[in-house]
Amino acid sequence: MTAVQGIVYTIGIELMLAGDIVVAADDSRFCQMEARRGIAPLGGAHFRFLSRAGWGDAMYHLFLCDEFSAQRAHAIGLVQEVVPAGEQIERAMTLAAMIARNAPLGIQVTKEAAANYVEAGEAAAIAYIPKIRDRVLGSADAKEGIQSFIERRAAVFQGR
């Protein structure tokens, strides 16, 4: 979970993109300006920007080295929520708490599977499905999730 506000240039974008979910204050300003300075993104933006925004939007901003708004960052997928300035940390913490109420194994294997897809492609992601199934379907958390649904109560997950 990442929260940003104000000027989010170069390494700020690179650090932001290293996280999974980004909440930005509405006054945030973004710019990936390395090419304007005779260098290139060296912290992962060359692939993370691309995977989040898609080829066209990534190349647009990586090549123009332009400043863009939080609303634009949201529109192209770099940011998942835009909130009034000063509320970004509270919102990020709220989202983190919501995620923490979910089954840890489910979250872990979802992230692993998604990373596997990004790193190795669709065939590898499909081949990974049996490993996901093996890790989660027989788990205590899966049993608890089903039982809590039947009993119409909040689940209490143990990460097992």
N, C-alpha and C. Protein backbone atom coordinates (compact mmCIF):
# COMPACT_ATOMS: atom_id res chain seq x y z
N MET A 1 0.86 -1.15 0.00
CA MET A 1 0.00 0.00 0.00
C MET A 1 0.91 1.22 0.00
N THR A 2 0.64 2.14 -0.91
CA THR A 2 1.45 3.33 -1.03
C THR A 2 0.54 4.56 -1.02
N ALA A 3 0.94 5.60 -0.31
CA ALA A 3 0.23 6.87 -0.32
C ALA A 3 1.21 7.95 -0.78
N VAL A 4 0.76 8.81 -1.71
CA VAL A 4 1.62 9.88 -2.22
C VAL A 4 0.90 11.21 -2.16
N GLN A 5 1.70 12.27 -2.06
CA GLN A 5 1.17 13.63 -2.09
C GLN A 5 2.26 14.56 -2.61
N GLY A 6 1.84 15.64 -3.27
CA GLY A 6 2.77 16.66 -3.72
C GLY A 6 3.53 16.24 -4.96
N ILE A 7 4.81 16.57 -4.99
CA ILE A 7 5.64 16.30 -6.15
C ILE A 7 6.12 14.84 -6.10
N VAL A 8 5.73 14.06 -7.10
CA VAL A 8 6.10 12.65 -7.20
C VAL A 8 6.84 12.50 -8.54
N TYR A 9 8.11 12.82 -8.52
CA TYR A 9 8.93 12.78 -9.73
C TYR A 9 9.90 11.61 -9.66
N THR A 10 10.32 11.16 -10.79
CA THR A 10 11.36 10.15 -11.03
C THR A 10 11.36 9.04 -9.98
N ILE A 11 12.27 9.11 -9.00
CA ILE A 11 12.38 8.02 -8.02
C ILE A 11 11.10 7.89 -7.21
N GLY A 12 10.36 8.98 -7.04
CA GLY A 12 9.07 8.91 -6.35
C GLY A 12 8.10 8.01 -7.09
N ILE A 13 8.06 8.14 -8.41
CA ILE A 13 7.21 7.26 -9.22
C ILE A 13 7.74 5.84 -9.15
N GLU A 14 9.05 5.68 -9.22
CA GLU A 14 9.63 4.34 -9.18
C GLU A 14 9.30 3.64 -7.86
N LEU A 15 9.41 4.34 -6.75
CA LEU A 15 9.07 3.76 -5.46
C LEU A 15 7.58 3.46 -5.37
N MET A 16 6.76 4.37 -5.86
CA MET A 16 5.31 4.19 -5.86
C MET A 16 4.93 2.94 -6.64
N LEU A 17 5.54 2.75 -7.81
CA LEU A 17 5.21 1.62 -8.67
C LEU A 17 5.71 0.29 -8.11
N ALA A 18 6.59 0.32 -7.14
CA ALA A 18 7.06 -0.92 -6.51
C ALA A 18 6.00 -1.50 -5.58
N GLY A 19 4.99 -0.69 -5.22
CA GLY A 19 3.90 -1.16 -4.38
C GLY A 19 2.76 -1.72 -5.21
N ASP A 20 1.78 -2.28 -4.52
CA ASP A 20 0.65 -2.91 -5.20
C ASP A 20 -0.50 -1.95 -5.48
N ILE A 21 -0.83 -1.12 -4.51
CA ILE A 21 -1.99 -0.22 -4.60
C ILE A 21 -1.52 1.17 -4.20
N VAL A 22 -1.94 2.18 -4.96
CA VAL A 22 -1.51 3.55 -4.70
C VAL A 22 -2.72 4.45 -4.48
N VAL A 23 -2.66 5.22 -3.38
CA VAL A 23 -3.65 6.25 -3.09
C VAL A 23 -2.91 7.58 -3.20
N ALA A 24 -3.43 8.47 -4.03
CA ALA A 24 -2.76 9.76 -4.26
C ALA A 24 -3.63 10.91 -3.76
N ALA A 25 -2.98 11.89 -3.17
CA ALA A 25 -3.66 13.14 -2.84
C ALA A 25 -3.98 13.86 -4.14
N ASP A 26 -5.07 14.60 -4.16
CA ASP A 26 -5.49 15.25 -5.40
C ASP A 26 -4.55 16.36 -5.86
N ASP A 27 -3.62 16.76 -4.99
CA ASP A 27 -2.63 17.78 -5.40
C ASP A 27 -1.32 17.17 -5.88
N SER A 28 -1.28 15.86 -6.02
CA SER A 28 -0.05 15.20 -6.48
C SER A 28 0.26 15.56 -7.92
N ARG A 29 1.56 15.72 -8.21
CA ARG A 29 2.04 15.98 -9.56
C ARG A 29 3.10 14.95 -9.89
N PHE A 30 2.99 14.36 -11.06
CA PHE A 30 3.86 13.26 -11.45
C PHE A 30 4.70 13.65 -12.66
N CYS A 31 5.94 13.15 -12.71
CA CYS A 31 6.78 13.35 -13.87
C CYS A 31 7.93 12.36 -13.85
N GLN A 32 8.09 11.64 -14.93
CA GLN A 32 9.21 10.71 -15.09
C GLN A 32 10.16 11.39 -16.07
N MET A 33 11.09 12.17 -15.56
CA MET A 33 11.86 13.10 -16.39
C MET A 33 13.28 12.69 -16.72
N GLU A 34 13.65 11.45 -16.48
CA GLU A 34 15.05 11.07 -16.68
C GLU A 34 15.57 11.38 -18.07
N ALA A 35 14.78 11.07 -19.11
CA ALA A 35 15.26 11.30 -20.48
C ALA A 35 15.53 12.78 -20.74
N ARG A 36 14.84 13.66 -20.04
CA ARG A 36 15.09 15.09 -20.16
C ARG A 36 16.46 15.46 -19.59
N ARG A 37 16.98 14.62 -18.71
CA ARG A 37 18.27 14.87 -18.06
C ARG A 37 19.39 14.02 -18.65
N GLY A 38 19.08 13.31 -19.73
CA GLY A 38 20.12 12.53 -20.40
C GLY A 38 20.33 11.14 -19.82
N ILE A 39 19.41 10.72 -18.97
CA ILE A 39 19.52 9.37 -18.41
C ILE A 39 18.22 8.62 -18.70
N ALA A 40 18.00 7.50 -18.04
CA ALA A 40 16.79 6.70 -18.21
C ALA A 40 16.34 6.22 -16.84
N PRO A 41 15.08 5.81 -16.70
CA PRO A 41 14.62 5.27 -15.42
C PRO A 41 15.46 4.04 -15.03
N LEU A 42 16.02 4.07 -13.84
CA LEU A 42 16.90 2.99 -13.41
C LEU A 42 16.34 2.20 -12.22
N GLY A 43 15.15 2.58 -11.74
CA GLY A 43 14.58 1.92 -10.58
C GLY A 43 13.39 1.03 -10.91
N GLY A 44 13.20 0.72 -12.17
CA GLY A 44 12.12 -0.19 -12.54
C GLY A 44 10.97 0.45 -13.28
N ALA A 45 10.95 1.77 -13.43
CA ALA A 45 9.83 2.42 -14.11
C ALA A 45 9.73 1.99 -15.57
N HIS A 46 10.84 1.61 -16.18
CA HIS A 46 10.81 1.22 -17.59
C HIS A 46 9.92 0.00 -17.81
N PHE A 47 9.72 -0.83 -16.80
CA PHE A 47 8.79 -1.96 -16.97
C PHE A 47 7.55 -1.83 -16.09
N ARG A 48 7.67 -1.26 -14.90
CA ARG A 48 6.49 -1.13 -14.03
C ARG A 48 5.50 -0.11 -14.58
N PHE A 49 6.00 1.02 -15.10
CA PHE A 49 5.13 2.03 -15.70
C PHE A 49 4.38 1.39 -16.86
N LEU A 50 5.10 0.62 -17.65
CA LEU A 50 4.52 -0.05 -18.81
C LEU A 50 3.45 -1.05 -18.40
N SER A 51 3.72 -1.86 -17.39
CA SER A 51 2.74 -2.87 -17.00
C SER A 51 1.51 -2.25 -16.36
N ARG A 52 1.66 -1.10 -15.71
CA ARG A 52 0.50 -0.45 -15.10
C ARG A 52 -0.31 0.36 -16.11
N ALA A 53 0.36 1.10 -16.96
CA ALA A 53 -0.33 2.07 -17.82
C ALA A 53 -0.57 1.56 -19.24
N GLY A 54 0.12 0.52 -19.65
CA GLY A 54 0.04 0.08 -21.04
C GLY A 54 1.08 0.81 -21.88
N TRP A 55 1.36 0.23 -23.03
CA TRP A 55 2.43 0.74 -23.89
C TRP A 55 2.25 2.21 -24.26
N GLY A 56 1.12 2.55 -24.82
CA GLY A 56 0.92 3.90 -25.34
C GLY A 56 1.05 4.97 -24.27
N ASP A 57 0.34 4.80 -23.14
CA ASP A 57 0.41 5.80 -22.08
C ASP A 57 1.79 5.85 -21.43
N ALA A 58 2.41 4.69 -21.27
CA ALA A 58 3.76 4.67 -20.69
C ALA A 58 4.75 5.41 -21.59
N MET A 59 4.76 5.08 -22.86
CA MET A 59 5.69 5.73 -23.77
C MET A 59 5.39 7.23 -23.89
N TYR A 60 4.13 7.57 -23.86
CA TYR A 60 3.72 8.98 -23.92
C TYR A 60 4.43 9.77 -22.82
N HIS A 61 4.32 9.30 -21.58
CA HIS A 61 4.89 10.05 -20.46
C HIS A 61 6.40 9.82 -20.30
N LEU A 62 6.88 8.62 -20.60
CA LEU A 62 8.32 8.37 -20.50
C LEU A 62 9.09 9.14 -21.56
N PHE A 63 8.52 9.30 -22.75
CA PHE A 63 9.19 10.04 -23.83
C PHE A 63 9.01 11.55 -23.71
N LEU A 64 7.81 12.02 -23.34
CA LEU A 64 7.58 13.46 -23.22
C LEU A 64 8.23 14.06 -21.98
N CYS A 65 8.40 13.23 -20.95
CA CYS A 65 8.92 13.72 -19.67
C CYS A 65 8.07 14.87 -19.14
N ASP A 66 6.77 14.75 -19.31
CA ASP A 66 5.84 15.81 -18.94
C ASP A 66 5.31 15.62 -17.52
N GLU A 67 4.85 16.71 -16.94
CA GLU A 67 4.20 16.64 -15.64
C GLU A 67 2.72 16.35 -15.87
N PHE A 68 2.16 15.47 -15.03
CA PHE A 68 0.73 15.17 -15.14
C PHE A 68 0.11 15.06 -13.76
N SER A 69 -1.20 15.16 -13.72
CA SER A 69 -1.95 15.27 -12.47
C SER A 69 -2.27 13.90 -11.87
N ALA A 70 -2.76 13.95 -10.64
CA ALA A 70 -3.23 12.73 -9.98
C ALA A 70 -4.40 12.12 -10.74
N GLN A 71 -5.24 12.97 -11.30
CA GLN A 71 -6.38 12.46 -12.06
C GLN A 71 -5.90 11.70 -13.31
N ARG A 72 -4.87 12.22 -13.96
CA ARG A 72 -4.31 11.54 -15.13
C ARG A 72 -3.64 10.23 -14.69
N ALA A 73 -2.92 10.26 -13.59
CA ALA A 73 -2.28 9.05 -13.07
C ALA A 73 -3.33 7.98 -12.77
N HIS A 74 -4.47 8.42 -12.26
CA HIS A 74 -5.57 7.48 -11.99
C HIS A 74 -6.15 6.94 -13.30
N ALA A 75 -6.35 7.81 -14.25
CA ALA A 75 -6.95 7.41 -15.53
C ALA A 75 -6.11 6.37 -16.27
N ILE A 76 -4.79 6.43 -16.12
CA ILE A 76 -3.94 5.47 -16.83
C ILE A 76 -3.51 4.29 -15.97
N GLY A 77 -3.98 4.24 -14.72
CA GLY A 77 -3.74 3.07 -13.89
C GLY A 77 -2.52 3.11 -12.98
N LEU A 78 -1.82 4.24 -12.92
CA LEU A 78 -0.69 4.33 -12.00
C LEU A 78 -1.17 4.47 -10.55
N VAL A 79 -2.35 5.04 -10.39
CA VAL A 79 -2.94 5.31 -9.08
C VAL A 79 -4.31 4.66 -9.06
N GLN A 80 -4.68 4.05 -7.93
CA GLN A 80 -5.96 3.39 -7.85
C GLN A 80 -7.05 4.28 -7.25
N GLU A 81 -6.68 5.23 -6.39
CA GLU A 81 -7.65 6.17 -5.82
C GLU A 81 -7.00 7.55 -5.69
N VAL A 82 -7.82 8.58 -5.90
CA VAL A 82 -7.42 9.96 -5.66
C VAL A 82 -8.34 10.51 -4.58
N VAL A 83 -7.74 11.07 -3.54
CA VAL A 83 -8.50 11.60 -2.40
C VAL A 83 -8.05 13.03 -2.12
N PRO A 84 -8.84 13.80 -1.38
CA PRO A 84 -8.41 15.15 -1.03
C PRO A 84 -7.07 15.13 -0.29
N ALA A 85 -6.24 16.11 -0.58
CA ALA A 85 -4.91 16.21 0.06
C ALA A 85 -5.06 16.13 1.57
N GLY A 86 -4.19 15.34 2.18
CA GLY A 86 -4.22 15.15 3.62
C GLY A 86 -4.97 13.90 4.05
N GLU A 87 -5.75 13.32 3.15
CA GLU A 87 -6.53 12.12 3.48
C GLU A 87 -5.92 10.84 2.93
N GLN A 88 -4.81 10.96 2.19
CA GLN A 88 -4.25 9.81 1.50
C GLN A 88 -3.72 8.74 2.44
N ILE A 89 -3.09 9.12 3.52
CA ILE A 89 -2.54 8.11 4.44
C ILE A 89 -3.68 7.39 5.16
N GLU A 90 -4.65 8.14 5.63
CA GLU A 90 -5.79 7.50 6.30
C GLU A 90 -6.50 6.53 5.37
N ARG A 91 -6.70 6.93 4.11
CA ARG A 91 -7.38 6.05 3.17
C ARG A 91 -6.53 4.80 2.88
N ALA A 92 -5.23 4.99 2.71
CA ALA A 92 -4.35 3.84 2.47
C ALA A 92 -4.40 2.88 3.65
N MET A 93 -4.41 3.40 4.87
CA MET A 93 -4.48 2.55 6.05
C MET A 93 -5.83 1.82 6.13
N THR A 94 -6.90 2.50 5.74
CA THR A 94 -8.22 1.87 5.71
C THR A 94 -8.23 0.71 4.72
N LEU A 95 -7.68 0.94 3.53
CA LEU A 95 -7.61 -0.13 2.53
C LEU A 95 -6.75 -1.28 3.03
N ALA A 96 -5.63 -0.97 3.68
CA ALA A 96 -4.76 -2.02 4.21
C ALA A 96 -5.49 -2.85 5.26
N ALA A 97 -6.27 -2.19 6.10
CA ALA A 97 -7.04 -2.91 7.12
C ALA A 97 -8.09 -3.81 6.46
N MET A 98 -8.71 -3.32 5.40
CA MET A 98 -9.70 -4.14 4.68
C MET A 98 -9.03 -5.38 4.09
N ILE A 99 -7.87 -5.19 3.50
CA ILE A 99 -7.14 -6.31 2.91
C ILE A 99 -6.72 -7.29 4.00
N ALA A 100 -6.29 -6.76 5.15
CA ALA A 100 -5.82 -7.62 6.25
C ALA A 100 -6.93 -8.49 6.82
N ARG A 101 -8.18 -8.11 6.60
CA ARG A 101 -9.29 -8.95 7.07
C ARG A 101 -9.53 -10.16 6.17
N ASN A 102 -8.92 -10.17 5.00
CA ASN A 102 -9.07 -11.30 4.09
C ASN A 102 -8.10 -12.41 4.47
N ALA A 103 -8.32 -13.57 3.89
CA ALA A 103 -7.47 -14.72 4.20
C ALA A 103 -6.04 -14.48 3.72
N PRO A 104 -5.07 -14.56 4.62
CA PRO A 104 -3.68 -14.32 4.22
C PRO A 104 -3.20 -15.21 3.09
N LEU A 105 -3.53 -16.49 3.14
CA LEU A 105 -3.08 -17.39 2.07
C LEU A 105 -3.68 -16.98 0.73
N GLY A 106 -4.95 -16.61 0.74
CA GLY A 106 -5.58 -16.18 -0.50
C GLY A 106 -4.90 -14.96 -1.09
N ILE A 107 -4.57 -13.99 -0.24
CA ILE A 107 -3.87 -12.78 -0.70
C ILE A 107 -2.48 -13.15 -1.21
N GLN A 108 -1.77 -13.98 -0.47
CA GLN A 108 -0.40 -14.36 -0.85
C GLN A 108 -0.36 -15.05 -2.21
N VAL A 109 -1.21 -16.05 -2.39
CA VAL A 109 -1.14 -16.78 -3.66
C VAL A 109 -1.69 -15.96 -4.81
N THR A 110 -2.64 -15.06 -4.54
CA THR A 110 -3.11 -14.16 -5.59
C THR A 110 -1.97 -13.29 -6.08
N LYS A 111 -1.20 -12.73 -5.15
CA LYS A 111 -0.07 -11.89 -5.54
C LYS A 111 1.01 -12.71 -6.25
N GLU A 112 1.30 -13.90 -5.74
CA GLU A 112 2.29 -14.76 -6.38
C GLU A 112 1.88 -15.11 -7.81
N ALA A 113 0.62 -15.45 -7.98
CA ALA A 113 0.13 -15.82 -9.31
C ALA A 113 0.18 -14.63 -10.26
N ALA A 114 -0.19 -13.46 -9.77
CA ALA A 114 -0.15 -12.27 -10.61
C ALA A 114 1.30 -11.94 -10.99
N ALA A 115 2.21 -12.03 -10.03
CA ALA A 115 3.62 -11.78 -10.32
C ALA A 115 4.16 -12.80 -11.31
N ASN A 116 3.74 -14.03 -11.17
CA ASN A 116 4.15 -15.09 -12.09
C ASN A 116 3.71 -14.75 -13.51
N TYR A 117 2.50 -14.26 -13.65
CA TYR A 117 2.00 -13.86 -14.97
C TYR A 117 2.84 -12.72 -15.54
N VAL A 118 3.07 -11.71 -14.73
CA VAL A 118 3.84 -10.55 -15.20
C VAL A 118 5.25 -10.97 -15.60
N GLU A 119 5.86 -11.83 -14.81
CA GLU A 119 7.24 -12.23 -15.06
C GLU A 119 7.39 -13.27 -16.16
N ALA A 120 6.42 -14.19 -16.26
CA ALA A 120 6.62 -15.33 -17.16
C ALA A 120 5.54 -15.49 -18.23
N GLY A 121 4.50 -14.68 -18.19
CA GLY A 121 3.48 -14.74 -19.23
C GLY A 121 2.29 -15.62 -18.90
N GLU A 122 1.34 -15.62 -19.82
CA GLU A 122 0.06 -16.30 -19.60
C GLU A 122 0.20 -17.80 -19.43
N ALA A 123 1.01 -18.45 -20.23
CA ALA A 123 1.15 -19.91 -20.13
C ALA A 123 1.66 -20.30 -18.74
N ALA A 124 2.62 -19.56 -18.21
CA ALA A 124 3.14 -19.85 -16.87
C ALA A 124 2.08 -19.58 -15.81
N ALA A 125 1.28 -18.54 -16.00
CA ALA A 125 0.23 -18.23 -15.04
C ALA A 125 -0.82 -19.34 -15.02
N ILE A 126 -1.17 -19.85 -16.17
CA ILE A 126 -2.14 -20.95 -16.24
C ILE A 126 -1.55 -22.21 -15.60
N ALA A 127 -0.29 -22.48 -15.88
CA ALA A 127 0.37 -23.65 -15.30
C ALA A 127 0.47 -23.55 -13.79
N TYR A 128 0.41 -22.36 -13.25
CA TYR A 128 0.52 -22.12 -11.81
C TYR A 128 -0.78 -22.40 -11.06
N ILE A 129 -1.90 -22.47 -11.77
CA ILE A 129 -3.21 -22.64 -11.14
C ILE A 129 -3.26 -23.88 -10.23
N PRO A 130 -2.74 -25.04 -10.63
CA PRO A 130 -2.78 -26.19 -9.70
C PRO A 130 -2.05 -25.93 -8.38
N LYS A 131 -0.96 -25.17 -8.41
CA LYS A 131 -0.24 -24.84 -7.18
C LYS A 131 -1.10 -23.96 -6.28
N ILE A 132 -1.82 -23.04 -6.88
CA ILE A 132 -2.73 -22.19 -6.11
C ILE A 132 -3.79 -23.07 -5.46
N ARG A 133 -4.40 -23.91 -6.26
CA ARG A 133 -5.45 -24.80 -5.77
C ARG A 133 -4.93 -25.63 -4.59
N ASP A 134 -3.76 -26.21 -4.75
CA ASP A 134 -3.20 -27.06 -3.70
C ASP A 134 -2.95 -26.28 -2.41
N ARG A 135 -2.53 -25.04 -2.53
CA ARG A 135 -2.22 -24.24 -1.33
C ARG A 135 -3.45 -23.74 -0.61
N VAL A 136 -4.51 -23.43 -1.34
CA VAL A 136 -5.64 -22.78 -0.66
C VAL A 136 -6.85 -23.67 -0.41
N LEU A 137 -7.17 -24.58 -1.30
CA LEU A 137 -8.43 -25.31 -1.15
C LEU A 137 -8.49 -26.19 0.09
N GLY A 138 -7.39 -26.78 0.49
CA GLY A 138 -7.39 -27.62 1.68
C GLY A 138 -7.01 -26.88 2.95
N SER A 139 -6.88 -25.59 2.88
CA SER A 139 -6.41 -24.82 4.03
C SER A 139 -7.51 -24.61 5.08
N ALA A 140 -7.07 -24.36 6.29
CA ALA A 140 -8.01 -24.02 7.36
C ALA A 140 -8.74 -22.72 7.02
N ASP A 141 -8.06 -21.80 6.36
CA ASP A 141 -8.70 -20.54 5.98
C ASP A 141 -9.84 -20.77 4.99
N ALA A 142 -9.67 -21.69 4.05
CA ALA A 142 -10.75 -21.99 3.10
C ALA A 142 -11.95 -22.57 3.83
N LYS A 143 -11.69 -23.48 4.76
CA LYS A 143 -12.79 -24.06 5.55
C LYS A 143 -13.49 -22.98 6.36
N GLU A 144 -12.71 -22.11 6.98
CA GLU A 144 -13.28 -21.02 7.76
C GLU A 144 -14.09 -20.08 6.88
N GLY A 145 -13.58 -19.79 5.68
CA GLY A 145 -14.31 -18.90 4.77
C GLY A 145 -15.66 -19.47 4.40
N ILE A 146 -15.72 -20.75 4.10
CA ILE A 146 -16.99 -21.39 3.74
C ILE A 146 -17.91 -21.46 4.96
N GLN A 147 -17.36 -21.84 6.11
CA GLN A 147 -18.19 -21.94 7.32
C GLN A 147 -18.76 -20.58 7.72
N SER A 148 -17.95 -19.54 7.63
CA SER A 148 -18.43 -18.20 7.98
C SER A 148 -19.52 -17.74 7.02
N PHE A 149 -19.42 -18.14 5.75
CA PHE A 149 -20.46 -17.82 4.78
C PHE A 149 -21.76 -18.53 5.15
N ILE A 150 -21.66 -19.81 5.47
CA ILE A 150 -22.84 -20.58 5.86
C ILE A 150 -23.49 -19.99 7.10
N GLU A 151 -22.65 -19.60 8.06
CA GLU A 151 -23.15 -19.07 9.33
C GLU A 151 -23.44 -17.57 9.27
N ARG A 152 -23.20 -16.95 8.13
CA ARG A 152 -23.46 -15.52 7.93
C ARG A 152 -22.77 -14.66 8.99
N ARG A 153 -21.47 -14.88 9.11
CA ARG A 153 -20.66 -14.13 10.07
C ARG A 153 -19.34 -13.77 9.42
N ALA A 154 -18.63 -12.84 10.04
CA ALA A 154 -17.31 -12.47 9.53
C ALA A 154 -16.34 -13.63 9.76
N ALA A 155 -15.49 -13.88 8.79
CA ALA A 155 -14.51 -14.95 8.90
C ALA A 155 -13.37 -14.52 9.82
N VAL A 156 -12.81 -15.50 10.52
CA VAL A 156 -11.62 -15.28 11.35
C VAL A 156 -10.52 -16.16 10.77
N PHE A 157 -9.62 -15.57 10.00
CA PHE A 157 -8.59 -16.32 9.30
C PHE A 157 -7.32 -16.44 10.15
N GLN A 158 -6.63 -17.54 9.96
CA GLN A 158 -5.41 -17.83 10.73
C GLN A 158 -4.15 -17.86 9.86
N GLY A 159 -4.32 -17.78 8.54
CA GLY A 159 -3.16 -17.85 7.66
C GLY A 159 -2.63 -19.27 7.50
N ARG A 160 -3.52 -20.25 7.69
CA ARG A 160 -3.14 -21.66 7.56
C ARG A 160 -4.12 -22.37 6.64
